[in-house]
């Protein structure tokens, strides 16, 4: 006979869990096998695994660890009228302002409008969400002050990632990856949600949508008819209409019929995630976590540390000798010297990060000796990798001084510095023995690096350094400098005569061929046009 549940409203206990009423009190007994495994966790050979005799609460052997269970029920209420209105206004503003073909202030306007609309959707957010949102605005704002397309494309891609992170505040790698793929699915799931909100707004007023459409159609028709008559009757009024009424062309129609629906669906999906992000339920019954024994990982990492140390000591001349090592008889060329350092950095960085991740994840941390070993060996590896990063940065600097600065060389240097910052973060994580924040730190480092690169103004920096090199050595690559963006015009304006003409003629043609409107307003292009209007570039006789 089945005993009735004394509390029908309470959930039934999970399989394998004892009922609170039927549990028999008594001291906790530690299985002998588990005690033996714990006692030998830092000696012997072979990985630590769950004891074979480990059982669940139901007396059956514990199964393999279960993956987290994801659920996404969505919002439990329809959107408010203020939310729908804010999303529609933001989509309309962004569709009207976005300069799709180039960088400009319209990207900043659209991003700011979208952030404000989502803030109306959810007024309370964590400080991390606010930080990712501010980073998104800053990245999109680069298009207002910099004209280099390659830099702005990188900023837009990074803004997509930071914008996705601002919606759900992911903290784990799985959640971070999910945050990047959720927005398209959320845009589709938000359509029924929005439709339900519209129905709720018009409930009890079935004729209101028809009246709104009728009033809009009549108003537009009257304005068009009488506006056309007044324009044909008076030239001054016609000029006023031409100045303030936007031109309806193919681009405007595409913005209304294509861009606006896409943006509205995207913002509705973002609001859908922001209000009700997916949840993760972690299983409570898992086996013992796999872990290496101390000697299993410490010996290989210690040998790798010695190899790094020997390389840095023996190759000190190669790493820090600079141009003297390159110019010595039998030494490598500048190209081989810099390229070897760069590819060495990539290989060493990738492999070192893999070693640090594997060892940090599966090295035992239960005892004090275990934690001290992790900090010593992995910390030394990270410090020695920092030395290689510094030497590779020095190599690239030597190469740039000899052959000039280019976008690729400046970008490689920025990547090297970012990798160095990542190794510093790894060192901090090793000291604390907590690395769950490292993926977010890596994205923060990449975002900060892009913003720092935008502040540096790379195209102008490249032009300035090459002009300085020309003044001291008489060597310059005018053909390459003429391919830079309008950011470089103030630096190239330092040249004189035919050198100035050959460096600026291609940039001047691009600026003349594509004038800016209010959407694509850009301070760098405006400054370049002002300089070239005051002193035109002229014709290039012989480019070199």
Protein backbone atom coordinates (compact mmCIF):
# COMPACT_ATOMS: atom_id res chain seq x y z
CA UNK A 1 0.00 0.00 0.00
CA UNK A 2 1.28 3.45 -0.95
CA UNK A 3 1.59 5.98 1.87
CA UNK A 4 -0.08 9.30 0.94
CA UNK A 5 2.09 12.34 0.64
CA UNK A 6 1.54 14.53 3.72
CA UNK A 7 2.26 17.66 1.68
CA UNK A 8 0.66 17.33 -1.79
CA UNK A 9 1.83 20.81 -2.85
CA UNK A 10 5.52 20.06 -2.28
CA UNK A 11 7.54 18.53 -5.09
CA UNK A 12 8.32 14.86 -4.83
CA UNK A 13 11.90 14.05 -3.87
CA UNK A 14 14.20 13.25 -6.73
CA UNK A 15 15.08 9.72 -7.45
CA UNK A 16 17.98 8.77 -5.21
CA UNK A 17 17.21 11.42 -2.57
CA UNK A 18 15.93 10.46 0.86
CA UNK A 19 12.73 12.02 2.14
CA UNK A 20 13.19 14.45 4.98
CA UNK A 21 10.51 12.70 7.03
CA UNK A 22 11.90 9.25 6.44
CA UNK A 23 15.58 10.02 6.88
CA UNK A 24 17.30 8.35 9.79
CA UNK A 25 19.62 10.67 11.70
CA UNK A 26 23.11 9.52 12.35
CA UNK A 27 26.76 10.41 11.86
CA UNK A 28 28.06 10.73 8.32
CA UNK A 29 30.23 7.76 7.40
CA UNK A 30 33.03 8.24 4.87
CA UNK A 31 33.53 5.23 2.58
CA UNK A 32 36.89 3.59 2.98
CA UNK A 33 37.56 3.69 -0.75
CA UNK A 34 36.93 7.44 -0.89
CA UNK A 35 39.18 8.04 2.13
CA UNK A 36 41.93 6.01 0.56
CA UNK A 37 41.65 7.88 -2.73
CA UNK A 38 41.79 11.23 -0.94
CA UNK A 39 44.79 10.24 1.10
CA UNK A 40 46.74 9.29 -1.99
CA UNK A 41 45.78 12.30 -4.11
CA UNK A 42 49.26 13.73 -4.11
CA UNK A 43 51.40 10.65 -4.55
CA UNK A 44 51.86 7.78 -6.95
CA UNK A 45 51.13 7.75 -10.65
CA UNK A 46 47.96 7.96 -12.67
CA UNK A 47 45.05 10.38 -12.65
CA UNK A 48 42.60 10.71 -9.85
CA UNK A 49 39.13 9.51 -10.82
CA UNK A 50 35.93 8.73 -8.98
CA UNK A 51 36.13 5.48 -6.94
CA UNK A 52 34.58 2.51 -8.69
CA UNK A 53 32.37 1.84 -5.68
CA UNK A 54 30.90 5.34 -5.60
CA UNK A 55 27.11 5.15 -5.58
CA UNK A 56 24.24 7.55 -5.76
CA UNK A 57 21.73 8.02 -3.01
CA UNK A 58 19.56 5.23 -4.46
CA UNK A 59 22.35 2.69 -4.06
CA UNK A 60 23.20 2.49 -7.78
CA UNK A 61 26.63 3.36 -9.18
CA UNK A 62 26.91 7.05 -10.01
CA UNK A 63 26.78 7.70 -13.74
CA UNK A 64 28.97 10.05 -15.77
CA UNK A 65 28.69 13.79 -15.13
CA UNK A 66 25.59 15.22 -16.75
CA UNK A 67 25.85 18.40 -18.85
CA UNK A 68 24.02 21.54 -17.72
CA UNK A 69 20.37 21.71 -18.72
CA UNK A 70 19.42 24.85 -20.64
CA UNK A 71 15.89 26.25 -20.54
CA UNK A 72 14.47 29.36 -22.17
CA UNK A 73 10.82 29.94 -21.39
CA UNK A 74 10.84 33.57 -22.48
CA UNK A 75 9.01 36.51 -20.88
CA UNK A 76 5.95 35.64 -18.80
CA UNK A 77 4.08 38.81 -19.83
CA UNK A 78 3.44 40.72 -23.01
CA UNK A 79 5.56 43.83 -23.72
CA UNK A 80 4.32 47.15 -22.44
CA UNK A 81 3.24 49.88 -24.82
CA UNK A 82 6.29 51.96 -23.84
CA UNK A 83 8.58 49.07 -24.77
CA UNK A 84 7.00 48.60 -28.21
CA UNK A 85 7.13 52.34 -28.86
CA UNK A 86 10.77 52.61 -27.76
CA UNK A 87 11.80 49.67 -29.96
CA UNK A 88 9.96 51.10 -32.97
CA UNK A 89 11.51 54.56 -32.52
CA UNK A 90 15.00 53.11 -32.08
CA UNK A 91 14.61 50.95 -35.20
CA UNK A 92 13.36 53.94 -37.21
CA UNK A 93 16.17 56.22 -36.00
CA UNK A 94 18.83 53.58 -36.71
CA UNK A 95 17.39 52.77 -40.15
CA UNK A 96 17.40 56.45 -41.06
CA UNK A 97 20.85 57.25 -39.63
CA UNK A 98 22.95 54.22 -40.47
CA UNK A 99 25.61 54.89 -43.16
CA UNK A 100 26.02 51.31 -44.30
CA UNK A 101 28.84 51.89 -46.77
CA UNK A 102 31.28 53.78 -44.53
CA UNK A 103 32.11 55.00 -41.04
CA UNK A 104 30.17 57.97 -39.76
CA UNK A 105 28.22 59.48 -36.90
CA UNK A 106 25.13 57.51 -37.90
CA UNK A 107 26.57 54.36 -36.32
CA UNK A 108 26.88 56.18 -33.00
CA UNK A 109 23.34 57.57 -33.30
CA UNK A 110 21.90 54.13 -34.07
CA UNK A 111 23.82 52.45 -31.26
CA UNK A 112 22.80 55.08 -28.71
CA UNK A 113 19.14 54.87 -29.77
CA UNK A 114 19.20 51.09 -29.44
CA UNK A 115 20.79 51.20 -25.97
CA UNK A 116 18.19 53.75 -24.79
CA UNK A 117 15.33 51.59 -26.12
CA UNK A 118 16.68 48.51 -24.33
CA UNK A 119 17.12 50.57 -21.15
CA UNK A 120 13.39 51.34 -21.33
CA UNK A 121 12.78 47.59 -21.63
CA UNK A 122 14.74 46.79 -18.48
CA UNK A 123 15.74 49.63 -16.19
CA UNK A 124 17.82 47.50 -13.78
CA UNK A 125 20.99 45.80 -14.98
CA UNK A 126 24.26 44.62 -13.49
CA UNK A 127 27.37 46.76 -13.66
CA UNK A 128 28.91 44.30 -16.11
CA UNK A 129 25.97 44.70 -18.48
CA UNK A 130 26.33 48.48 -18.23
CA UNK A 131 30.07 48.20 -18.91
CA UNK A 132 29.52 46.04 -22.02
CA UNK A 133 26.87 48.51 -23.24
CA UNK A 134 29.24 51.46 -22.78
CA UNK A 135 31.96 49.55 -24.62
CA UNK A 136 29.53 48.95 -27.49
CA UNK A 137 28.77 52.68 -27.74
CA UNK A 138 32.48 53.54 -27.61
CA UNK A 139 33.33 51.06 -30.37
CA UNK A 140 30.57 52.37 -32.64
CA UNK A 141 31.65 55.93 -31.85
CA UNK A 142 35.06 55.26 -33.42
CA UNK A 143 33.40 55.78 -36.80
CA UNK A 144 32.70 59.40 -35.88
CA UNK A 145 36.34 60.37 -35.34
CA UNK A 146 38.37 57.90 -37.46
CA UNK A 147 38.20 57.33 -41.22
CA UNK A 148 40.25 54.10 -41.45
CA UNK A 149 37.79 51.49 -42.73
CA UNK A 150 39.88 48.52 -41.57
CA UNK A 151 39.88 49.80 -38.00
CA UNK A 152 36.18 50.56 -37.98
CA UNK A 153 35.28 47.11 -39.32
CA UNK A 154 37.14 45.55 -36.39
CA UNK A 155 35.33 47.89 -34.00
CA UNK A 156 31.91 46.97 -35.43
CA UNK A 157 32.65 43.23 -35.10
CA UNK A 158 33.76 43.76 -31.51
CA UNK A 159 30.64 45.86 -30.85
CA UNK A 160 28.45 42.95 -31.98
CA UNK A 161 30.11 40.74 -29.35
CA UNK A 162 30.01 43.28 -26.52
CA UNK A 163 26.40 44.15 -27.38
CA UNK A 164 25.42 40.48 -27.15
CA UNK A 165 27.18 40.20 -23.78
CA UNK A 166 25.35 43.27 -22.46
CA UNK A 167 22.02 41.43 -22.81
CA UNK A 168 22.58 38.40 -20.61
CA UNK A 169 25.82 39.01 -18.65
CA UNK A 170 27.37 35.59 -19.45
CA UNK A 171 30.06 34.45 -17.02
CA UNK A 172 31.07 31.01 -18.30
CA UNK A 173 32.50 29.91 -21.62
CA UNK A 174 29.34 27.99 -22.57
CA UNK A 175 27.16 30.97 -21.75
CA UNK A 176 29.46 33.31 -23.67
CA UNK A 177 29.28 31.14 -26.76
CA UNK A 178 25.52 30.85 -26.40
CA UNK A 179 25.19 34.64 -26.12
CA UNK A 180 26.68 34.98 -29.61
CA UNK A 181 24.18 32.62 -31.28
CA UNK A 182 21.04 33.54 -29.32
CA UNK A 183 20.14 36.89 -31.00
CA UNK A 184 19.00 35.38 -34.36
CA UNK A 185 16.83 32.83 -32.56
CA UNK A 186 15.54 35.50 -30.20
CA UNK A 187 14.52 37.71 -33.14
CA UNK A 188 12.29 34.90 -34.42
CA UNK A 189 10.89 34.05 -30.98
CA UNK A 190 10.14 37.71 -30.28
CA UNK A 191 7.71 38.08 -33.19
CA UNK A 192 4.82 36.23 -31.47
CA UNK A 193 5.68 38.08 -28.28
CA UNK A 194 5.40 41.45 -30.04
CA UNK A 195 2.18 40.38 -31.78
CA UNK A 196 0.69 39.42 -28.41
CA UNK A 197 1.68 42.83 -27.06
CA UNK A 198 -0.02 44.62 -29.95
CA UNK A 199 -3.18 42.57 -29.47
CA UNK A 200 -3.21 43.41 -25.77
CA UNK A 201 -2.82 47.10 -26.54
CA UNK A 202 -5.73 47.07 -28.98
CA UNK A 203 -7.96 44.79 -26.90
CA UNK A 204 -11.44 46.30 -26.54
CA UNK A 205 -10.79 48.71 -29.43
CA UNK A 206 -11.10 46.56 -32.55
CA UNK A 207 -11.49 49.48 -34.94
CA UNK A 208 -8.50 51.49 -33.73
CA UNK A 209 -5.85 50.06 -36.15
CA UNK A 210 -8.13 50.71 -39.11
CA UNK A 211 -8.78 54.28 -38.00
CA UNK A 212 -5.06 54.92 -37.50
CA UNK A 213 -4.26 53.67 -41.01
CA UNK A 214 -7.10 55.68 -42.53
CA UNK A 215 -6.09 58.90 -40.77
CA UNK A 216 -2.46 58.39 -41.81
CA UNK A 217 -3.37 57.75 -45.46
CA UNK A 218 -5.66 60.79 -45.66
CA UNK A 219 -3.09 63.06 -43.96
CA UNK A 220 -0.27 61.99 -46.27
CA UNK A 221 -2.47 62.41 -49.36
CA UNK A 222 -3.56 65.92 -48.37
CA UNK A 223 0.01 67.00 -47.62
CA UNK A 224 1.28 65.66 -50.93
CA UNK A 225 -1.45 67.28 -53.03
CA UNK A 226 -1.44 70.69 -51.39
CA UNK A 227 2.33 70.72 -50.92
CA UNK A 228 2.85 70.08 -54.62
CA UNK A 229 0.43 72.89 -55.52
CA UNK A 230 2.09 75.39 -53.17
CA UNK A 231 5.56 74.41 -54.43
CA UNK A 232 4.57 75.01 -58.04
CA UNK A 233 2.99 78.35 -57.10
CA UNK A 234 5.96 79.85 -55.22
CA UNK A 235 9.70 79.29 -55.82
CA UNK A 236 10.69 80.26 -52.26
CA UNK A 237 8.29 77.71 -50.78
CA UNK A 238 9.52 75.11 -53.25
CA UNK A 239 13.10 75.75 -52.11
CA UNK A 240 12.00 75.36 -48.47
CA UNK A 241 10.31 72.04 -49.26
CA UNK A 242 13.37 70.76 -51.13
CA UNK A 243 15.57 71.65 -48.18
CA UNK A 244 13.59 69.98 -45.40
CA UNK A 245 11.65 67.18 -47.07
CA UNK A 246 13.81 64.08 -47.60
CA UNK A 247 14.21 62.74 -51.10
CA UNK A 248 12.37 59.48 -51.65
CA UNK A 249 14.72 57.33 -53.72
CA UNK A 250 15.62 53.66 -53.92
CA UNK A 251 17.86 53.96 -50.86
CA UNK A 252 15.09 55.48 -48.75
CA UNK A 253 12.62 52.81 -49.84
CA UNK A 254 15.14 50.08 -48.96
CA UNK A 255 15.64 51.61 -45.53
CA UNK A 256 11.87 51.59 -44.87
CA UNK A 257 10.98 48.22 -46.37
CA UNK A 258 14.12 46.20 -45.59
CA UNK A 259 16.34 47.82 -42.98
CA UNK A 260 13.61 48.94 -40.57
CA UNK A 261 11.94 45.49 -40.23
CA UNK A 262 15.32 43.81 -39.74
CA UNK A 263 16.37 46.31 -37.09
CA UNK A 264 13.02 46.13 -35.31
CA UNK A 265 13.15 42.33 -35.19
CA UNK A 266 16.75 42.47 -33.93
CA UNK A 267 15.88 44.94 -31.17
CA UNK A 268 12.78 42.94 -30.22
CA UNK A 269 14.97 39.84 -29.93
CA UNK A 270 17.43 41.76 -27.78
CA UNK A 271 14.60 42.88 -25.50
CA UNK A 272 13.34 39.28 -25.39
CA UNK A 273 16.76 38.12 -24.12
CA UNK A 274 17.14 41.06 -21.76
CA UNK A 275 13.81 40.46 -20.02
CA UNK A 276 14.05 36.66 -19.85
CA UNK A 277 17.53 35.27 -20.59
CA UNK A 278 18.06 31.51 -20.79
CA UNK A 279 18.67 29.74 -17.50
CA UNK A 280 21.07 26.91 -16.75
CA UNK A 281 20.26 24.17 -14.26
CA UNK A 282 23.29 22.24 -13.15
CA UNK A 283 22.86 18.61 -12.07
CA UNK A 284 23.42 17.98 -8.40
CA UNK A 285 24.72 14.43 -8.77
CA UNK A 286 28.16 14.20 -10.36
CA UNK A 287 31.14 11.95 -10.03
CA UNK A 288 34.44 13.08 -8.59
CA UNK A 289 36.20 15.61 -10.81
CA UNK A 290 39.06 14.26 -12.88
CA UNK A 291 42.45 15.54 -11.75
CA UNK A 292 46.07 14.75 -12.44
CA UNK A 293 48.36 13.76 -9.64
CA UNK A 294 50.91 16.36 -8.76
CA UNK A 295 53.92 14.70 -10.36
CA UNK A 296 51.96 13.83 -13.51
CA UNK A 297 51.67 17.47 -14.54
CA UNK A 298 54.48 19.08 -12.52
CA UNK A 299 57.34 17.20 -14.21
CA UNK A 300 56.40 18.13 -17.82
CA UNK A 301 55.69 21.76 -16.90
CA UNK A 302 58.94 22.04 -14.90
CA UNK A 303 60.90 20.72 -17.89
CA UNK A 304 59.10 23.22 -20.13
CA UNK A 305 60.02 26.01 -17.71
CA UNK A 306 63.68 24.97 -17.94
CA UNK A 307 63.47 24.94 -21.74
CA UNK A 308 62.00 28.45 -21.75
CA UNK A 309 64.68 29.63 -19.34
CA UNK A 310 67.46 28.11 -21.43
CA UNK A 311 66.07 29.68 -24.60
CA UNK A 312 65.85 33.14 -23.03
CA UNK A 313 69.36 32.84 -21.56
CA UNK A 314 71.16 31.37 -24.57
CA UNK A 315 69.33 33.45 -27.16
CA UNK A 316 69.66 36.74 -25.27
CA UNK A 317 71.52 38.28 -28.20
CA UNK A 318 68.86 37.13 -30.65
CA UNK A 319 65.99 38.34 -28.50
CA UNK A 320 67.44 41.64 -27.29
CA UNK A 321 70.41 42.32 -29.53
CA UNK A 322 68.34 44.49 -31.87
CA UNK A 323 69.81 45.73 -35.12
CA UNK A 324 73.40 44.89 -34.10
CA UNK A 325 72.63 41.17 -34.24
CA UNK A 326 70.90 41.60 -37.61
CA UNK A 327 73.67 43.68 -39.16
CA UNK A 328 76.51 41.39 -38.04
CA UNK A 329 78.10 39.30 -40.84
CA UNK A 330 76.20 36.06 -41.22
CA UNK A 331 73.20 37.35 -39.29
CA UNK A 332 69.66 37.14 -40.58
CA UNK A 333 68.01 39.83 -42.67
CA UNK A 334 65.61 42.26 -41.09
CA UNK A 335 62.69 40.48 -42.74
CA UNK A 336 63.74 37.06 -41.41
CA UNK A 337 64.49 38.55 -38.01
CA UNK A 338 61.05 40.16 -37.54
CA UNK A 339 58.99 37.44 -39.20
CA UNK A 340 60.74 34.75 -37.18
CA UNK A 341 59.99 36.61 -33.97
CA UNK A 342 56.36 37.12 -34.91
CA UNK A 343 55.63 33.50 -35.82
CA UNK A 344 57.60 32.37 -32.81
CA UNK A 345 55.36 34.52 -30.66
CA UNK A 346 52.20 33.07 -32.15
CA UNK A 347 53.37 29.48 -31.73
CA UNK A 348 54.72 30.00 -28.21
CA UNK A 349 51.64 31.95 -27.13
CA UNK A 350 49.16 29.39 -28.46
CA UNK A 351 50.98 26.40 -26.99
CA UNK A 352 51.66 28.13 -23.69
CA UNK A 353 48.02 29.11 -23.29
CA UNK A 354 46.99 25.51 -23.98
CA UNK A 355 49.46 24.20 -21.38
CA UNK A 356 48.31 26.76 -18.83
CA UNK A 357 44.64 25.96 -19.47
CA UNK A 358 45.06 22.18 -19.22
CA UNK A 359 47.29 22.30 -16.15
CA UNK A 360 45.18 24.93 -14.42
CA UNK A 361 41.98 23.00 -15.10
CA UNK A 362 43.03 19.50 -14.05
CA UNK A 363 45.85 20.04 -11.56
CA UNK A 364 44.84 19.13 -7.98
CA UNK A 365 44.29 22.09 -5.67
CA UNK A 366 43.21 20.40 -2.45
CA UNK A 367 46.48 20.64 -0.52
CA UNK A 368 48.74 23.58 0.23
CA UNK A 369 51.61 21.90 -1.60
CA UNK A 370 49.40 21.46 -4.68
CA UNK A 371 48.49 25.15 -4.75
CA UNK A 372 52.09 26.23 -4.20
CA UNK A 373 53.24 24.02 -7.08
CA UNK A 374 50.63 25.51 -9.41
CA UNK A 375 51.63 29.07 -8.54
CA UNK A 376 55.36 28.36 -8.91
CA UNK A 377 55.47 26.33 -12.13
CA UNK A 378 52.61 27.92 -14.06
CA UNK A 379 53.56 31.39 -12.86
CA UNK A 380 57.13 30.89 -14.07
CA UNK A 381 55.83 29.70 -17.43
CA UNK A 382 53.63 32.77 -17.80
CA UNK A 383 56.49 35.11 -16.82
CA UNK A 384 58.86 33.49 -19.33
CA UNK A 385 56.17 33.76 -22.01
CA UNK A 386 55.96 37.47 -21.18
CA UNK A 387 59.69 37.72 -21.87
CA UNK A 388 59.14 36.22 -25.32
CA UNK A 389 56.28 38.67 -25.94
CA UNK A 390 58.54 41.58 -24.98
CA UNK A 391 61.36 40.37 -27.21
CA UNK A 392 59.03 39.89 -30.18
CA UNK A 393 57.68 43.41 -29.71
CA UNK A 394 61.26 44.65 -29.73
CA UNK A 395 61.97 42.74 -32.94
CA UNK A 396 59.01 44.34 -34.68
CA UNK A 397 60.12 47.76 -33.51
CA UNK A 398 63.57 47.19 -35.01
CA UNK A 399 61.96 46.09 -38.28
CA UNK A 400 59.71 49.17 -38.38
CA UNK A 401 62.63 51.51 -37.80
CA UNK A 402 64.53 49.92 -40.67
CA UNK A 403 61.73 49.49 -43.23
CA UNK A 404 59.01 51.88 -42.11
CA UNK A 405 55.62 51.51 -40.50
CA UNK A 406 52.60 49.83 -42.11
CA UNK A 407 49.12 48.92 -40.94
CA UNK A 408 50.02 45.25 -40.64
CA UNK A 409 53.14 45.94 -38.58
CA UNK A 410 51.32 48.31 -36.23
CA UNK A 411 48.46 45.84 -35.84
CA UNK A 412 50.90 42.97 -35.12
CA UNK A 413 52.51 45.09 -32.42
CA UNK A 414 49.09 45.79 -30.90
CA UNK A 415 48.30 42.05 -30.92
CA UNK A 416 51.61 41.31 -29.20
CA UNK A 417 50.86 43.85 -26.48
CA UNK A 418 47.38 42.39 -26.05
CA UNK A 419 48.86 38.91 -25.64
CA UNK A 420 51.19 40.29 -23.01
CA UNK A 421 48.20 41.73 -21.13
CA UNK A 422 46.50 38.33 -21.38
CA UNK A 423 49.50 36.63 -19.79
CA UNK A 424 49.39 39.16 -16.96
CA UNK A 425 45.75 38.20 -16.43
CA UNK A 426 46.78 34.54 -16.39
CA UNK A 427 49.35 35.34 -13.71
CA UNK A 428 46.70 37.03 -11.57
CA UNK A 429 44.36 34.08 -12.04
CA UNK A 430 47.17 31.72 -11.03
CA UNK A 431 47.83 33.63 -7.84
CA UNK A 432 44.14 33.51 -6.89
CA UNK A 433 43.63 30.00 -8.33
CA UNK A 434 40.42 31.26 -9.89
CA UNK A 435 40.21 31.52 -13.64
CA UNK A 436 36.50 31.62 -14.44
CA UNK A 437 36.81 35.33 -15.24
CA UNK A 438 39.61 34.87 -17.79
CA UNK A 439 37.38 34.56 -20.92
CA UNK A 440 35.65 37.83 -20.05
CA UNK A 441 39.03 39.39 -19.32
CA UNK A 442 40.29 38.31 -22.75
CA UNK A 443 37.35 40.05 -24.44
CA UNK A 444 37.86 43.12 -22.26
CA UNK A 445 41.54 43.22 -23.26
CA UNK A 446 40.63 42.94 -26.95
CA UNK A 447 38.01 45.68 -26.61
CA UNK A 448 40.37 47.95 -24.72
CA UNK A 449 43.10 47.27 -27.28
CA UNK A 450 40.84 48.32 -30.16
CA UNK A 451 39.82 51.50 -28.35
CA UNK A 452 43.47 52.25 -27.54
CA UNK A 453 44.33 51.70 -31.20
CA UNK A 454 41.58 54.14 -32.18
CA UNK A 455 42.95 56.71 -29.74
CA UNK A 456 46.42 56.20 -31.22
CA UNK A 457 44.97 56.94 -34.69
CA UNK A 458 47.02 54.27 -36.52
CA UNK A 459 46.92 55.70 -40.05
CA UNK A 460 48.13 59.10 -38.86
CA UNK A 461 50.72 57.44 -36.60
CA UNK A 462 52.03 55.45 -39.57
CA UNK A 463 52.24 58.54 -41.73
CA UNK A 464 53.97 60.57 -39.03
CA UNK A 465 56.60 57.89 -38.38
CA UNK A 466 57.31 57.44 -42.07
CA UNK A 467 57.67 61.18 -42.62
CA UNK A 468 60.06 61.33 -39.65
CA UNK A 469 62.04 58.47 -41.19
CA UNK A 470 62.09 60.30 -44.54
CA UNK A 471 63.47 63.42 -42.93
CA UNK A 472 66.32 61.45 -41.31
CA UNK A 473 67.12 58.90 -44.03
CA UNK A 474 65.63 60.26 -47.27
CA UNK A 475 63.71 57.01 -47.87
CA UNK A 476 59.92 56.86 -48.17
CA UNK A 477 57.27 54.69 -49.82
CA UNK A 478 54.87 57.26 -51.27
CA UNK A 479 52.90 54.62 -53.14
CA UNK A 480 51.97 52.90 -49.88
CA UNK A 481 51.30 56.14 -47.99
CA UNK A 482 48.83 57.24 -50.68
CA UNK A 483 46.66 54.20 -49.81
CA UNK A 484 46.09 55.35 -46.22
CA UNK A 485 42.82 56.89 -45.11
CA UNK A 486 41.95 60.53 -44.56
CA UNK A 487 43.29 60.14 -41.00
CA UNK A 488 46.81 60.42 -42.45
CA UNK A 489 46.29 63.72 -44.32
CA UNK A 490 47.53 66.04 -41.50
CA UNK A 491 50.78 64.03 -41.27
CA UNK A 492 51.29 63.77 -45.04
CA UNK A 493 50.67 67.49 -45.32
CA UNK A 494 54.14 67.92 -43.76
CA UNK A 495 55.69 66.83 -47.07
CA UNK A 496 56.45 69.38 -49.77
CA UNK A 497 56.44 69.59 -53.53
CA UNK A 498 55.96 66.48 -55.61
CA UNK A 499 56.35 64.24 -52.55
CA UNK A 500 53.25 65.83 -51.02
CA UNK A 501 51.31 65.56 -54.25
CA UNK A 502 52.16 61.88 -54.71
CA UNK A 503 51.24 61.06 -51.11
CA UNK A 504 47.90 62.88 -51.16
CA UNK A 505 46.50 62.60 -54.68
CA UNK A 506 44.73 59.26 -54.20
CA UNK A 507 43.24 60.28 -50.83
CA UNK A 508 42.04 63.59 -52.34
CA UNK A 509 40.31 61.76 -55.20
CA UNK A 510 38.48 59.45 -52.80
CA UNK A 511 37.29 62.39 -50.71
CA UNK A 512 36.04 64.25 -53.80
CA UNK A 513 34.29 61.18 -55.21
CA UNK A 514 32.35 60.39 -52.01
CA UNK A 515 31.16 63.50 -50.15
CA UNK A 516 29.69 63.01 -46.70
CA UNK A 517 26.07 63.62 -45.74
CA UNK A 518 24.71 63.95 -42.23
CA UNK A 519 24.76 60.18 -41.74
CA UNK A 520 28.42 59.74 -42.65
CA UNK A 521 29.71 62.90 -40.98
CA UNK A 522 33.26 62.20 -39.81
CA UNK A 523 35.67 64.59 -38.12
CA UNK A 524 38.79 63.07 -39.74
CA UNK A 525 37.42 63.41 -43.28
CA UNK A 526 36.21 66.93 -42.50
CA UNK A 527 39.68 67.94 -41.31
CA UNK A 528 41.28 66.38 -44.39
CA UNK A 529 38.93 68.20 -46.74
CA UNK A 530 39.64 71.48 -44.96
CA UNK A 531 43.43 71.03 -45.38
CA UNK A 532 43.14 70.01 -49.02
CA UNK A 533 40.78 72.91 -49.79
CA UNK A 534 43.32 75.34 -48.38
CA UNK A 535 46.23 73.70 -50.22
CA UNK A 536 45.16 71.22 -52.94
CA UNK A 537 47.21 68.10 -53.47
CA UNK A 538 48.01 68.76 -57.12
CA UNK A 539 49.14 66.21 -59.69
CA UNK A 540 51.75 63.55 -59.00
CA UNK A 541 54.51 63.48 -61.63
CA UNK A 542 56.43 60.35 -60.63
CA UNK A 543 55.30 58.29 -57.65
CA UNK A 544 57.91 56.36 -55.72
